[in-house]
C-alpha cells in the first residue's frame, strides 16, 4: 500500500474531469488506492442523493430482507451505485447471483471499526 501511495504522490498532477473514471482506468497501476477511491467517490455528496439513497434503502430493506447484516446492506448499496456508473458488468452480477449458496455458511460477525482506514 505504501509503495502505491508513494508512487501516486510522486507523479505530476493531471487535469481530470471524470475523477471516478480516472481511478477506474488506473486500477492496474494503483489497485488498492483505486478500490478505495471508487468506494469513496461513489458515495452521494448532496442531500438529494442522500434522499435517493434512503429511498433505495427502503426498497432494499424490505421485510423479506430485514435479516441482512450491515456489511451486506453496504455491499448492496455500493453494488447498485457502481452498476449505475457502469463500473460493473451485468453479466458478472448474473453469474454470481446464479452461484449456489454454501451450505451452513453464514456471514462473519465483524468487530466494530472493521472498515476503519488505518495509516499505521
PDB file of N, CA and C in Angstrom:
ATOM      1  N   UNK A   1       0.824  -1.198   0.000  1.00  0.00           N
ATOM      2  CA  UNK A   1       0.000   0.000   0.000  1.00  0.00           C
ATOM      3  C   UNK A   1       0.861   1.251   0.000  1.00  0.00           C
ATOM      4  N   UNK A   2       1.904   1.256   0.845  1.00  0.00           N
ATOM      5  CA  UNK A   2       2.725   2.458   0.925  1.00  0.00           C
ATOM      6  C   UNK A   2       3.446   2.718  -0.385  1.00  0.00           C
ATOM      7  N   UNK A   3       3.884   1.659  -1.061  1.00  0.00           N
ATOM      8  CA  UNK A   3       4.539   1.841  -2.359  1.00  0.00           C
ATOM      9  C   UNK A   3       3.579   2.488  -3.351  1.00  0.00           C
ATOM     10  N   UNK A   4       2.334   2.013  -3.350  1.00  0.00           N
ATOM     11  CA  UNK A   4       1.322   2.610  -4.227  1.00  0.00           C
ATOM     12  C   UNK A   4       1.138   4.082  -3.910  1.00  0.00           C
ATOM     13  N   UNK A   5       1.015   4.396  -2.635  1.00  0.00           N
ATOM     14  CA  UNK A   5       0.797   5.776  -2.219  1.00  0.00           C
ATOM     15  C   UNK A   5       1.998   6.637  -2.579  1.00  0.00           C
ATOM     16  N   UNK A   6       3.198   6.135  -2.319  1.00  0.00           N
ATOM     17  CA  UNK A   6       4.411   6.878  -2.668  1.00  0.00           C
ATOM     18  C   UNK A   6       4.488   7.130  -4.169  1.00  0.00           C
ATOM     19  N   UNK A   7       4.177   6.102  -4.965  1.00  0.00           N
ATOM     20  CA  UNK A   7       4.197   6.252  -6.427  1.00  0.00           C
ATOM     21  C   UNK A   7       3.170   7.284  -6.881  1.00  0.00           C
ATOM     22  N   UNK A   8       1.956   7.191  -6.324  1.00  0.00           N
ATOM     23  CA  UNK A   8       0.884   8.127  -6.691  1.00  0.00           C
ATOM     24  C   UNK A   8       1.279   9.565  -6.351  1.00  0.00           C
ATOM     25  N   UNK A   9       1.848   9.761  -5.165  1.00  0.00           N
ATOM     26  CA  UNK A   9       2.213  11.106  -4.727  1.00  0.00           C
ATOM     27  C   UNK A   9       3.413  11.668  -5.484  1.00  0.00           C
ATOM     28  N   UNK A  10       4.212  10.813  -6.108  1.00  0.00           N
ATOM     29  CA  UNK A  10       5.398  11.283  -6.831  1.00  0.00           C
ATOM     30  C   UNK A  10       5.099  11.681  -8.279  1.00  0.00           C
ATOM     31  N   UNK A  11       3.905  11.343  -8.770  1.00  0.00           N
ATOM     32  CA  UNK A  11       3.539  11.644 -10.156  1.00  0.00           C
ATOM     33  C   UNK A  11       2.986  13.065 -10.243  1.00  0.00           C
ATOM     34  N   UNK A  12       3.279  13.751 -11.363  1.00  0.00           N
ATOM     35  CA  UNK A  12       2.747  15.097 -11.575  1.00  0.00           C
ATOM     36  C   UNK A  12       1.221  15.080 -11.612  1.00  0.00           C
ATOM     37  N   UNK A  13       0.618  16.166 -11.149  1.00  0.00           N
ATOM     38  CA  UNK A  13      -0.839  16.288 -11.106  1.00  0.00           C
ATOM     39  C   UNK A  13      -1.375  16.466 -12.526  1.00  0.00           C
ATOM     40  N   UNK A  14      -2.420  15.711 -12.874  1.00  0.00           N
ATOM     41  CA  UNK A  14      -3.081  15.822 -14.178  1.00  0.00           C
ATOM     42  C   UNK A  14      -4.400  16.563 -14.013  1.00  0.00           C
ATOM     43  N   UNK A  15      -4.841  17.221 -15.067  1.00  0.00           N
ATOM     44  CA  UNK A  15      -6.184  17.806 -15.063  1.00  0.00           C
ATOM     45  C   UNK A  15      -7.153  16.700 -15.477  1.00  0.00           C
ATOM     46  N   UNK A  16      -8.082  16.372 -14.593  1.00  0.00           N
ATOM     47  CA  UNK A  16      -9.030  15.284 -14.835  1.00  0.00           C
ATOM     48  C   UNK A  16     -10.438  15.815 -14.633  1.00  0.00           C
ATOM     49  N   UNK A  17     -11.336  15.523 -15.574  1.00  0.00           N
ATOM     50  CA  UNK A  17     -12.730  15.952 -15.425  1.00  0.00           C
ATOM     51  C   UNK A  17     -13.611  14.843 -14.863  1.00  0.00           C
ATOM     52  N   UNK A  18     -13.239  13.593 -15.076  1.00  0.00           N
ATOM     53  CA  UNK A  18     -14.010  12.454 -14.573  1.00  0.00           C
ATOM     54  C   UNK A  18     -13.139  11.689 -13.576  1.00  0.00           C
ATOM     55  N   UNK A  19     -13.189  12.110 -12.330  1.00  0.00           N
ATOM     56  CA  UNK A  19     -12.314  11.533 -11.308  1.00  0.00           C
ATOM     57  C   UNK A  19     -12.566  10.050 -11.103  1.00  0.00           C
ATOM     58  N   UNK A  20     -13.830   9.669 -11.001  1.00  0.00           N
ATOM     59  CA  UNK A  20     -14.158   8.260 -10.791  1.00  0.00           C
ATOM     60  C   UNK A  20     -13.686   7.416 -11.971  1.00  0.00           C
ATOM     61  N   UNK A  21     -13.883   7.910 -13.186  1.00  0.00           N
ATOM     62  CA  UNK A  21     -13.410   7.207 -14.379  1.00  0.00           C
ATOM     63  C   UNK A  21     -11.893   7.091 -14.409  1.00  0.00           C
ATOM     64  N   UNK A  22     -11.198   8.161 -13.987  1.00  0.00           N
ATOM     65  CA  UNK A  22      -9.732   8.127 -13.968  1.00  0.00           C
ATOM     66  C   UNK A  22      -9.233   7.046 -13.019  1.00  0.00           C
ATOM     67  N   UNK A  23      -9.813   6.988 -11.810  1.00  0.00           N
ATOM     68  CA  UNK A  23      -9.390   5.966 -10.856  1.00  0.00           C
ATOM     69  C   UNK A  23      -9.698   4.567 -11.377  1.00  0.00           C
ATOM     70  N   UNK A  24     -10.816   4.425 -12.058  1.00  0.00           N
ATOM     71  CA  UNK A  24     -11.153   3.116 -12.624  1.00  0.00           C
ATOM     72  C   UNK A  24     -10.116   2.713 -13.677  1.00  0.00           C
ATOM     73  N   UNK A  25      -9.700   3.668 -14.508  1.00  0.00           N
ATOM     74  CA  UNK A  25      -8.685   3.381 -15.531  1.00  0.00           C
ATOM     75  C   UNK A  25      -7.320   3.062 -14.903  1.00  0.00           C
ATOM     76  N   UNK A  26      -7.056   3.606 -13.732  1.00  0.00           N
ATOM     77  CA  UNK A  26      -5.766   3.410 -13.058  1.00  0.00           C
ATOM     78  C   UNK A  26      -5.748   2.184 -12.147  1.00  0.00           C
ATOM     79  N   UNK A  27      -6.783   1.344 -12.226  1.00  0.00           N
ATOM     80  CA  UNK A  27      -6.912   0.216 -11.293  1.00  0.00           C
ATOM     81  C   UNK A  27      -5.770  -0.783 -11.399  1.00  0.00           C
ATOM     82  N   UNK A  28      -5.109  -0.873 -12.551  1.00  0.00           N
ATOM     83  CA  UNK A  28      -3.976  -1.800 -12.660  1.00  0.00           C
ATOM     84  C   UNK A  28      -2.698  -1.183 -12.102  1.00  0.00           C
ATOM     85  N   UNK A  29      -2.589   0.140 -12.149  1.00  0.00           N
ATOM     86  CA  UNK A  29      -1.405   0.832 -11.633  1.00  0.00           C
ATOM     87  C   UNK A  29      -1.477   0.972 -10.115  1.00  0.00           C
ATOM     88  N   UNK A  30      -2.662   1.350  -9.626  1.00  0.00           N
ATOM     89  CA  UNK A  30      -2.881   1.557  -8.189  1.00  0.00           C
ATOM     90  C   UNK A  30      -4.073   0.712  -7.736  1.00  0.00           C
ATOM     91  N   UNK A  31      -3.947  -0.602  -7.634  1.00  0.00           N
ATOM     92  CA  UNK A  31      -5.113  -1.443  -7.341  1.00  0.00           C
ATOM     93  C   UNK A  31      -5.802  -1.131  -6.011  1.00  0.00           C
ATOM     94  N   UNK A  32      -5.045  -0.942  -4.958  1.00  0.00           N
ATOM     95  CA  UNK A  32      -5.668  -0.688  -3.643  1.00  0.00           C
ATOM     96  C   UNK A  32      -6.214   0.732  -3.555  1.00  0.00           C
ATOM     97  N   UNK A  33      -5.416   1.701  -3.995  1.00  0.00           N
ATOM     98  CA  UNK A  33      -5.882   3.086  -3.962  1.00  0.00           C
ATOM     99  C   UNK A  33      -7.098   3.267  -4.860  1.00  0.00           C
ATOM    100  N   UNK A  34      -7.106   2.593  -5.998  1.00  0.00           N
ATOM    101  CA  UNK A  34      -8.231   2.689  -6.924  1.00  0.00           C
ATOM    102  C   UNK A  34      -9.514   2.161  -6.292  1.00  0.00           C
ATOM    103  N   UNK A  35      -9.429   1.029  -5.622  1.00  0.00           N
ATOM    104  CA  UNK A  35     -10.623   0.474  -4.948  1.00  0.00           C
ATOM    105  C   UNK A  35     -11.147   1.431  -3.895  1.00  0.00           C
ATOM    106  N   UNK A  36     -10.223   1.967  -3.103  1.00  0.00           N
ATOM    107  CA  UNK A  36     -10.620   2.886  -2.043  1.00  0.00           C
ATOM    108  C   UNK A  36     -11.227   4.159  -2.645  1.00  0.00           C
ATOM    109  N   UNK A  37     -10.606   4.695  -3.686  1.00  0.00           N
ATOM    110  CA  UNK A  37     -11.119   5.907  -4.321  1.00  0.00           C
ATOM    111  C   UNK A  37     -12.501   5.666  -4.918  1.00  0.00           C
ATOM    112  N   UNK A  38     -12.694   4.544  -5.595  1.00  0.00           N
ATOM    113  CA  UNK A  38     -14.008   4.235  -6.179  1.00  0.00           C
ATOM    114  C   UNK A  38     -15.061   4.074  -5.088  1.00  0.00           C
ATOM    115  N   UNK A  39     -14.693   3.475  -3.955  1.00  0.00           N
ATOM    116  CA  UNK A  39     -15.629   3.351  -2.831  1.00  0.00           C
ATOM    117  C   UNK A  39     -16.066   4.723  -2.338  1.00  0.00           C
ATOM    118  N   UNK A  40     -15.113   5.594  -2.098  1.00  0.00           N
ATOM    119  CA  UNK A  40     -15.430   6.902  -1.531  1.00  0.00           C
ATOM    120  C   UNK A  40     -16.070   7.838  -2.547  1.00  0.00           C
ATOM    121  N   UNK A  41     -15.610   7.800  -3.786  1.00  0.00           N
ATOM    122  CA  UNK A  41     -16.153   8.715  -4.787  1.00  0.00           C
ATOM    123  C   UNK A  41     -17.561   8.347  -5.233  1.00  0.00           C
ATOM    124  N   UNK A  42     -17.985   7.119  -4.990  1.00  0.00           N
ATOM    125  CA  UNK A  42     -19.339   6.728  -5.384  1.00  0.00           C
ATOM    126  C   UNK A  42     -20.361   6.997  -4.283  1.00  0.00           C
ATOM    127  N   UNK A  43     -19.921   7.530  -3.144  1.00  0.00           N
ATOM    128  CA  UNK A  43     -20.840   7.895  -2.061  1.00  0.00           C
ATOM    129  C   UNK A  43     -21.523   9.207  -2.441  1.00  0.00           C
ATOM    130  N   UNK A  44     -22.847   9.289  -2.332  1.00  0.00           N
ATOM    131  CA  UNK A  44     -23.562  10.524  -2.682  1.00  0.00           C
ATOM    132  C   UNK A  44     -23.078  11.707  -1.844  1.00  0.00           C
ATOM    133  N   UNK A  45     -22.942  12.881  -2.491  1.00  0.00           N
ATOM    134  CA  UNK A  45     -22.411  14.053  -1.806  1.00  0.00           C
ATOM    135  C   UNK A  45     -23.465  15.104  -1.481  1.00  0.00           C
ATOM    136  N   UNK A  46     -24.648  15.037  -2.047  1.00  0.00           N
ATOM    137  CA  UNK A  46     -25.667  16.054  -1.797  1.00  0.00           C
ATOM    138  C   UNK A  46     -26.855  15.455  -1.082  1.00  0.00           C
ATOM    139  N   UNK A  47     -27.653  16.328  -0.501  1.00  0.00           N
ATOM    140  CA  UNK A  47     -28.820  15.843   0.237  1.00  0.00           C
ATOM    141  C   UNK A  47     -29.821  15.177  -0.691  1.00  0.00           C
ATOM    142  N   UNK A  48     -29.909  15.622  -1.942  1.00  0.00           N
ATOM    143  CA  UNK A  48     -30.827  14.989  -2.891  1.00  0.00           C
ATOM    144  C   UNK A  48     -30.411  13.541  -3.112  1.00  0.00           C
ATOM    145  N   UNK A  49     -29.101  13.315  -3.295  1.00  0.00           N
ATOM    146  CA  UNK A  49     -28.617  11.948  -3.476  1.00  0.00           C
ATOM    147  C   UNK A  49     -28.813  11.116  -2.215  1.00  0.00           C
ATOM    148  N   UNK A  50     -28.673  11.752  -1.054  1.00  0.00           N
ATOM    149  CA  UNK A  50     -28.883  11.023   0.196  1.00  0.00           C
ATOM    150  C   UNK A  50     -30.336  10.588   0.298  1.00  0.00           C
ATOM    151  N   UNK A  51     -31.258  11.495  -0.070  1.00  0.00           N
ATOM    152  CA  UNK A  51     -32.677  11.122  -0.056  1.00  0.00           C
ATOM    153  C   UNK A  51     -32.931   9.968  -1.019  1.00  0.00           C
ATOM    154  N   UNK A  52     -32.308  10.019  -2.192  1.00  0.00           N
ATOM    155  CA  UNK A  52     -32.459   8.928  -3.154  1.00  0.00           C
ATOM    156  C   UNK A  52     -31.879   7.635  -2.585  1.00  0.00           C
ATOM    157  N   UNK A  53     -30.738   7.757  -1.887  1.00  0.00           N
ATOM    158  CA  UNK A  53     -30.113   6.590  -1.268  1.00  0.00           C
ATOM    159  C   UNK A  53     -31.043   5.977  -0.227  1.00  0.00           C
ATOM    160  N   UNK A  54     -31.672   6.814   0.604  1.00  0.00           N
ATOM    161  CA  UNK A  54     -32.607   6.291   1.598  1.00  0.00           C
ATOM    162  C   UNK A  54     -33.805   5.647   0.921  1.00  0.00           C
ATOM    163  N   UNK A  55     -34.225   6.221  -0.198  1.00  0.00           N
ATOM    164  CA  UNK A  55     -35.328   5.622  -0.945  1.00  0.00           C
ATOM    165  C   UNK A  55     -34.928   4.238  -1.441  1.00  0.00           C
ATOM    166  N   UNK A  56     -33.708   4.122  -1.988  1.00  0.00           N
ATOM    167  CA  UNK A  56     -33.209   2.808  -2.421  1.00  0.00           C
ATOM    168  C   UNK A  56     -33.108   1.863  -1.233  1.00  0.00           C
ATOM    169  N   UNK A  57     -32.653   2.403  -0.098  1.00  0.00           N
ATOM    170  CA  UNK A  57     -32.525   1.586   1.102  1.00  0.00           C
ATOM    171  C   UNK A  57     -33.859   1.045   1.567  1.00  0.00           C
ATOM    172  N   UNK A  58     -34.911   1.854   1.419  1.00  0.00           N
ATOM    173  CA  UNK A  58     -36.241   1.396   1.820  1.00  0.00           C
ATOM    174  C   UNK A  58     -36.655   0.186   0.986  1.00  0.00           C
ATOM    175  N   UNK A  59     -36.363   0.222  -0.308  1.00  0.00           N
ATOM    176  CA  UNK A  59     -36.687  -0.927  -1.161  1.00  0.00           C
ATOM    177  C   UNK A  59     -35.772  -2.108  -0.848  1.00  0.00           C
ATOM    178  N   UNK A  60     -34.519  -1.807  -0.570  1.00  0.00           N
ATOM    179  CA  UNK A  60     -33.542  -2.852  -0.280  1.00  0.00           C
ATOM    180  C   UNK A  60     -33.851  -3.549   1.039  1.00  0.00           C
ATOM    181  N   UNK A  61     -34.312  -2.787   2.007  1.00  0.00           N
ATOM    182  CA  UNK A  61     -34.534  -3.324   3.348  1.00  0.00           C
ATOM    183  C   UNK A  61     -36.000  -3.655   3.587  1.00  0.00           C
ATOM    184  N   UNK A  62     -36.579  -4.328   2.661  1.00  0.00           N
ATOM    185  CA  UNK A  62     -37.967  -4.748   2.828  1.00  0.00           C
ATOM    186  C   UNK A  62     -38.049  -5.757   3.970  1.00  0.00           C
ATOM    187  N   UNK A  63     -39.258  -6.115   4.347  1.00  0.00           N
ATOM    188  CA  UNK A  63     -39.431  -7.089   5.430  1.00  0.00           C
ATOM    189  C   UNK A  63     -38.764  -8.419   5.086  1.00  0.00           C
ATOM    190  N   UNK A  64     -38.720  -8.752   3.810  1.00  0.00           N
ATOM    191  CA  UNK A  64     -38.109 -10.016   3.389  1.00  0.00           C
ATOM    192  C   UNK A  64     -36.606  -9.997   3.641  1.00  0.00           C
ATOM    193  N   UNK A  65     -35.982  -8.823   3.441  1.00  0.00           N
ATOM    194  CA  UNK A  65     -34.526  -8.726   3.565  1.00  0.00           C
ATOM    195  C   UNK A  65     -34.082  -8.137   4.897  1.00  0.00           C
ATOM    196  N   UNK A  66     -34.950  -8.014   5.852  1.00  0.00           N
ATOM    197  CA  UNK A  66     -34.602  -7.342   7.104  1.00  0.00           C
ATOM    198  C   UNK A  66     -33.537  -8.085   7.907  1.00  0.00           C
ATOM    199  N   UNK A  67     -33.223  -9.310   7.534  1.00  0.00           N
ATOM    200  CA  UNK A  67     -32.213 -10.085   8.259  1.00  0.00           C
ATOM    201  C   UNK A  67     -30.798  -9.864   7.730  1.00  0.00           C
ATOM    202  N   UNK A  68     -30.613  -9.014   6.729  1.00  0.00           N
ATOM    203  CA  UNK A  68     -29.282  -8.782   6.168  1.00  0.00           C
ATOM    204  C   UNK A  68     -28.385  -8.074   7.175  1.00  0.00           C
ATOM    205  N   UNK A  69     -27.120  -8.410   7.140  1.00  0.00           N
ATOM    206  CA  UNK A  69     -26.148  -7.762   8.025  1.00  0.00           C
ATOM    207  C   UNK A  69     -25.813  -6.367   7.479  1.00  0.00           C
ATOM    208  N   UNK A  70     -25.269  -5.493   8.327  1.00  0.00           N
ATOM    209  CA  UNK A  70     -24.856  -4.170   7.841  1.00  0.00           C
ATOM    210  C   UNK A  70     -23.849  -4.264   6.695  1.00  0.00           C
ATOM    211  N   UNK A  71     -22.965  -5.272   6.734  1.00  0.00           N
ATOM    212  CA  UNK A  71     -21.979  -5.428   5.663  1.00  0.00           C
ATOM    213  C   UNK A  71     -22.666  -5.749   4.340  1.00  0.00           C
ATOM    214  N   UNK A  72     -23.692  -6.606   4.376  1.00  0.00           N
ATOM    215  CA  UNK A  72     -24.411  -6.963   3.150  1.00  0.00           C
ATOM    216  C   UNK A  72     -25.179  -5.772   2.606  1.00  0.00           C
ATOM    217  N   UNK A  73     -25.795  -4.998   3.497  1.00  0.00           N
ATOM    218  CA  UNK A  73     -26.542  -3.814   3.065  1.00  0.00           C
ATOM    219  C   UNK A  73     -25.598  -2.824   2.404  1.00  0.00           C
ATOM    220  N   UNK A  74     -24.447  -2.567   3.042  1.00  0.00           N
ATOM    221  CA  UNK A  74     -23.465  -1.645   2.477  1.00  0.00           C
ATOM    222  C   UNK A  74     -22.984  -2.154   1.117  1.00  0.00           C
ATOM    223  N   UNK A  75     -22.726  -3.448   1.017  1.00  0.00           N
ATOM    224  CA  UNK A  75     -22.258  -4.029  -0.246  1.00  0.00           C
ATOM    225  C   UNK A  75     -23.315  -3.882  -1.338  1.00  0.00           C
ATOM    226  N   UNK A  76     -24.583  -4.115  -1.001  1.00  0.00           N
ATOM    227  CA  UNK A  76     -25.650  -3.988  -1.994  1.00  0.00           C
ATOM    228  C   UNK A  76     -25.825  -2.547  -2.456  1.00  0.00           C
ATOM    229  N   UNK A  77     -25.728  -1.583  -1.534  1.00  0.00           N
ATOM    230  CA  UNK A  77     -25.836  -0.178  -1.920  1.00  0.00           C
ATOM    231  C   UNK A  77     -24.673   0.233  -2.817  1.00  0.00           C
ATOM    232  N   UNK A  78     -23.456  -0.216  -2.485  1.00  0.00           N
ATOM    233  CA  UNK A  78     -22.296   0.083  -3.337  1.00  0.00           C
ATOM    234  C   UNK A  78     -22.452  -0.566  -4.706  1.00  0.00           C
ATOM    235  N   UNK A  79     -22.897  -1.808  -4.719  1.00  0.00           N
ATOM    236  CA  UNK A  79     -23.098  -2.520  -5.980  1.00  0.00           C
ATOM    237  C   UNK A  79     -24.091  -1.771  -6.865  1.00  0.00           C
ATOM    238  N   UNK A  80     -25.168  -1.273  -6.259  1.00  0.00           N
ATOM    239  CA  UNK A  80     -26.156  -0.504  -7.018  1.00  0.00           C
ATOM    240  C   UNK A  80     -25.566   0.775  -7.587  1.00  0.00           C
ATOM    241  N   UNK A  81     -24.795   1.506  -6.766  1.00  0.00           N
ATOM    242  CA  UNK A  81     -24.182   2.752  -7.231  1.00  0.00           C
ATOM    243  C   UNK A  81     -23.176   2.477  -8.343  1.00  0.00           C
ATOM    244  N   UNK A  82     -22.361   1.435  -8.173  1.00  0.00           N
ATOM    245  CA  UNK A  82     -21.372   1.100  -9.197  1.00  0.00           C
ATOM    246  C   UNK A  82     -22.049   0.642 -10.484  1.00  0.00           C
ATOM    247  N   UNK A  83     -23.162  -0.052 -10.371  1.00  0.00           N
ATOM    248  CA  UNK A  83     -23.885  -0.506 -11.563  1.00  0.00           C
ATOM    249  C   UNK A  83     -24.425   0.680 -12.344  1.00  0.00           C
ATOM    250  N   UNK A  84     -24.954   1.683 -11.637  1.00  0.00           N
ATOM    251  CA  UNK A  84     -25.465   2.880 -12.312  1.00  0.00           C
ATOM    252  C   UNK A  84     -24.360   3.626 -13.043  1.00  0.00           C
ATOM    253  N   UNK A  85     -23.131   3.524 -12.552  1.00  0.00           N
ATOM    254  CA  UNK A  85     -21.990   4.189 -13.185  1.00  0.00           C
ATOM    255  C   UNK A  85     -21.315   3.308 -14.231  1.00  0.00           C
ATOM    256  N   UNK A  86     -21.913   2.147 -14.503  1.00  0.00           N
ATOM    257  CA  UNK A  86     -21.371   1.181 -15.472  1.00  0.00           C
ATOM    258  C   UNK A  86     -19.976   0.690 -15.101  1.00  0.00           C
ATOM    259  N   UNK A  87     -19.704   0.587 -13.800  1.00  0.00           N
ATOM    260  CA  UNK A  87     -18.422   0.059 -13.345  1.00  0.00           C
ATOM    261  C   UNK A  87     -18.473  -1.452 -13.161  1.00  0.00           C
ATOM    262  N   UNK A  88     -19.670  -2.014 -13.251  1.00  0.00           N
ATOM    263  CA  UNK A  88     -19.860  -3.454 -13.072  1.00  0.00           C
ATOM    264  C   UNK A  88     -20.655  -3.980 -14.258  1.00  0.00           C
ATOM    265  N   UNK A  89     -20.224  -5.102 -14.800  1.00  0.00           N
ATOM    266  CA  UNK A  89     -20.933  -5.713 -15.925  1.00  0.00           C
ATOM    267  C   UNK A  89     -22.122  -6.515 -15.408  1.00  0.00           C
ATOM    268  N   UNK A  90     -23.267  -6.343 -16.048  1.00  0.00           N
ATOM    269  CA  UNK A  90     -24.478  -7.066 -15.643  1.00  0.00           C
ATOM    270  C   UNK A  90     -24.274  -8.573 -15.714  1.00  0.00           C
ATOM    271  N   UNK A  91     -23.537  -9.037 -16.719  1.00  0.00           N
ATOM    272  CA  UNK A  91     -23.291 -10.477 -16.860  1.00  0.00           C
ATOM    273  C   UNK A  91     -22.574 -11.042 -15.637  1.00  0.00           C
ATOM    274  N   UNK A  92     -21.617 -10.266 -15.092  1.00  0.00           N
ATOM    275  CA  UNK A  92     -20.888 -10.732 -13.907  1.00  0.00           C
ATOM    276  C   UNK A  92     -21.814 -10.853 -12.703  1.00  0.00           C
ATOM    277  N   UNK A  93     -22.718  -9.882 -12.546  1.00  0.00           N
ATOM    278  CA  UNK A  93     -23.663  -9.925 -11.430  1.00  0.00           C
ATOM    279  C   UNK A  93     -24.574 -11.137 -11.568  1.00  0.00           C
ATOM    280  N   UNK A  94     -25.038 -11.405 -12.784  1.00  0.00           N
ATOM    281  CA  UNK A  94     -25.919 -12.554 -13.010  1.00  0.00           C
ATOM    282  C   UNK A  94     -25.199 -13.867 -12.728  1.00  0.00           C
ATOM    283  N   UNK A  95     -23.923 -13.959 -13.124  1.00  0.00           N
ATOM    284  CA  UNK A  95     -23.155 -15.180 -12.865  1.00  0.00           C
ATOM    285  C   UNK A  95     -23.005 -15.425 -11.366  1.00  0.00           C
ATOM    286  N   UNK A  96     -22.690 -14.374 -10.623  1.00  0.00           N
ATOM    287  CA  UNK A  96     -22.531 -14.521  -9.175  1.00  0.00           C
ATOM    288  C   UNK A  96     -23.869 -14.861  -8.535  1.00  0.00           C
ATOM    289  N   UNK A  97     -24.943 -14.219  -8.995  1.00  0.00           N
ATOM    290  CA  UNK A  97     -26.272 -14.493  -8.452  1.00  0.00           C
ATOM    291  C   UNK A  97     -26.730 -15.915  -8.698  1.00  0.00           C
ATOM    292  N   UNK A  98     -26.246 -16.524  -9.770  1.00  0.00           N
ATOM    293  CA  UNK A  98     -26.646 -17.892 -10.106  1.00  0.00           C
ATOM    294  C   UNK A  98     -25.822 -18.947  -9.372  1.00  0.00           C
ATOM    295  N   UNK A  99     -24.773 -18.521  -8.696  1.00  0.00           N
ATOM    296  CA  UNK A  99     -23.928 -19.483  -7.974  1.00  0.00           C
ATOM    297  C   UNK A  99     -24.701 -20.049  -6.783  1.00  0.00           C
ATOM    298  N   UNK A 100     -24.487 -21.320  -6.477  1.00  0.00           N
ATOM    299  CA  UNK A 100     -25.204 -21.917  -5.338  1.00  0.00           C
ATOM    300  C   UNK A 100     -24.685 -21.370  -4.009  1.00  0.00           C
ATOM    301  N   UNK A 101     -25.579 -21.308  -3.042  1.00  0.00           N
ATOM    302  CA  UNK A 101     -25.171 -20.901  -1.701  1.00  0.00           C
ATOM    303  C   UNK A 101     -24.299 -21.989  -1.091  1.00  0.00           C
ATOM    304  N   UNK A 102     -23.434 -21.587  -0.206  1.00  0.00           N
ATOM    305  CA  UNK A 102     -22.594 -22.546   0.502  1.00  0.00           C
ATOM    306  C   UNK A 102     -23.385 -23.020   1.714  1.00  0.00           C
ATOM    307  N   UNK A 103     -23.679 -24.316   1.794  1.00  0.00           N
ATOM    308  CA  UNK A 103     -24.483 -24.818   2.918  1.00  0.00           C
ATOM    309  C   UNK A 103     -23.838 -24.508   4.267  1.00  0.00           C
ATOM    310  N   UNK A 104     -24.651 -24.019   5.179  1.00  0.00           N
ATOM    311  CA  UNK A 104     -24.173 -23.743   6.523  1.00  0.00           C
ATOM    312  C   UNK A 104     -23.290 -22.518   6.631  1.00  0.00           C
ATOM    313  N   UNK A 105     -23.101 -21.812   5.524  1.00  0.00           N
ATOM    314  CA  UNK A 105     -22.234 -20.638   5.544  1.00  0.00           C
ATOM    315  C   UNK A 105     -23.050 -19.426   5.978  1.00  0.00           C
ATOM    316  N   UNK A 106     -22.597 -18.772   7.020  1.00  0.00           N
ATOM    317  CA  UNK A 106     -23.250 -17.560   7.477  1.00  0.00           C
ATOM    318  C   UNK A 106     -22.231 -16.438   7.452  1.00  0.00           C
ATOM    319  N   UNK A 107     -22.735 -15.217   7.402  1.00  0.00           N
ATOM    320  CA  UNK A 107     -21.828 -14.084   7.363  1.00  0.00           C
ATOM    321  C   UNK A 107     -21.043 -13.987   8.659  1.00  0.00           C
ATOM    322  N   UNK A 108     -19.788 -13.650   8.518  1.00  0.00           N
ATOM    323  CA  UNK A 108     -18.938 -13.481   9.699  1.00  0.00           C
ATOM    324  C   UNK A 108     -19.357 -12.227  10.451  1.00  0.00           C
ATOM    325  N   UNK A 109     -19.309 -12.294  11.748  1.00  0.00           N
ATOM    326  CA  UNK A 109     -19.572 -11.125  12.571  1.00  0.00           C
ATOM    327  C   UNK A 109     -18.251 -10.382  12.711  1.00  0.00           C
ATOM    328  N   UNK A 110     -18.242  -9.136  12.263  1.00  0.00           N
ATOM    329  CA  UNK A 110     -17.011  -8.359  12.277  1.00  0.00           C
ATOM    330  C   UNK A 110     -16.994  -7.420  13.474  1.00  0.00           C
ATOM    331  N   UNK A 111     -15.811  -7.179  14.005  1.00  0.00           N
ATOM    332  CA  UNK A 111     -15.659  -6.269  15.135  1.00  0.00           C
ATOM    333  C   UNK A 111     -16.012  -4.849  14.718  1.00  0.00           C
ATOM    334  N   UNK A 112     -16.447  -4.037  15.685  1.00  0.00           N
ATOM    335  CA  UNK A 112     -16.684  -2.624  15.408  1.00  0.00           C
ATOM    336  C   UNK A 112     -15.403  -2.007  14.881  1.00  0.00           C
ATOM    337  N   UNK A 113     -15.538  -1.141  13.899  1.00  0.00           N
ATOM    338  CA  UNK A 113     -14.378  -0.477  13.322  1.00  0.00           C
ATOM    339  C   UNK A 113     -13.658  -1.287  12.272  1.00  0.00           C
ATOM    340  N   UNK A 114     -14.243  -2.404  11.811  1.00  0.00           N
ATOM    341  CA  UNK A 114     -13.581  -3.258  10.818  1.00  0.00           C
ATOM    342  C   UNK A 114     -13.299  -2.505   9.527  1.00  0.00           C
ATOM    343  N   UNK A 115     -14.096  -1.458   9.251  1.00  0.00           N
ATOM    344  CA  UNK A 115     -13.938  -0.736   7.995  1.00  0.00           C
ATOM    345  C   UNK A 115     -13.168   0.570   8.164  1.00  0.00           C
ATOM    346  N   UNK A 116     -12.565   0.803   9.342  1.00  0.00           N
ATOM    347  CA  UNK A 116     -11.757   1.996   9.555  1.00  0.00           C
ATOM    348  C   UNK A 116     -10.477   1.900   8.734  1.00  0.00           C
ATOM    349  N   UNK A 117     -10.028   3.025   8.254  1.00  0.00           N
ATOM    350  CA  UNK A 117      -8.777   3.068   7.497  1.00  0.00           C
ATOM    351  C   UNK A 117      -7.660   3.411   8.472  1.00  0.00           C
ATOM    352  N   UNK A 118      -6.704   2.521   8.581  1.00  0.00           N
ATOM    353  CA  UNK A 118      -5.582   2.722   9.492  1.00  0.00           C
ATOM    354  C   UNK A 118      -4.340   3.067   8.693  1.00  0.00           C
ATOM    355  N   UNK A 119      -3.633   4.104   9.104  1.00  0.00           N
ATOM    356  CA  UNK A 119      -2.446   4.530   8.378  1.00  0.00           C
ATOM    357  C   UNK A 119      -1.161   3.990   8.985  1.00  0.00           C
ATOM    358  N   UNK A 120      -1.231   3.353  10.113  1.00  0.00           N
ATOM    359  CA  UNK A 120      -0.020   2.790  10.729  1.00  0.00           C
ATOM    360  C   UNK A 120      -0.136   1.311  10.864  1.00  0.00           C
TER     361      UNK A 120
END
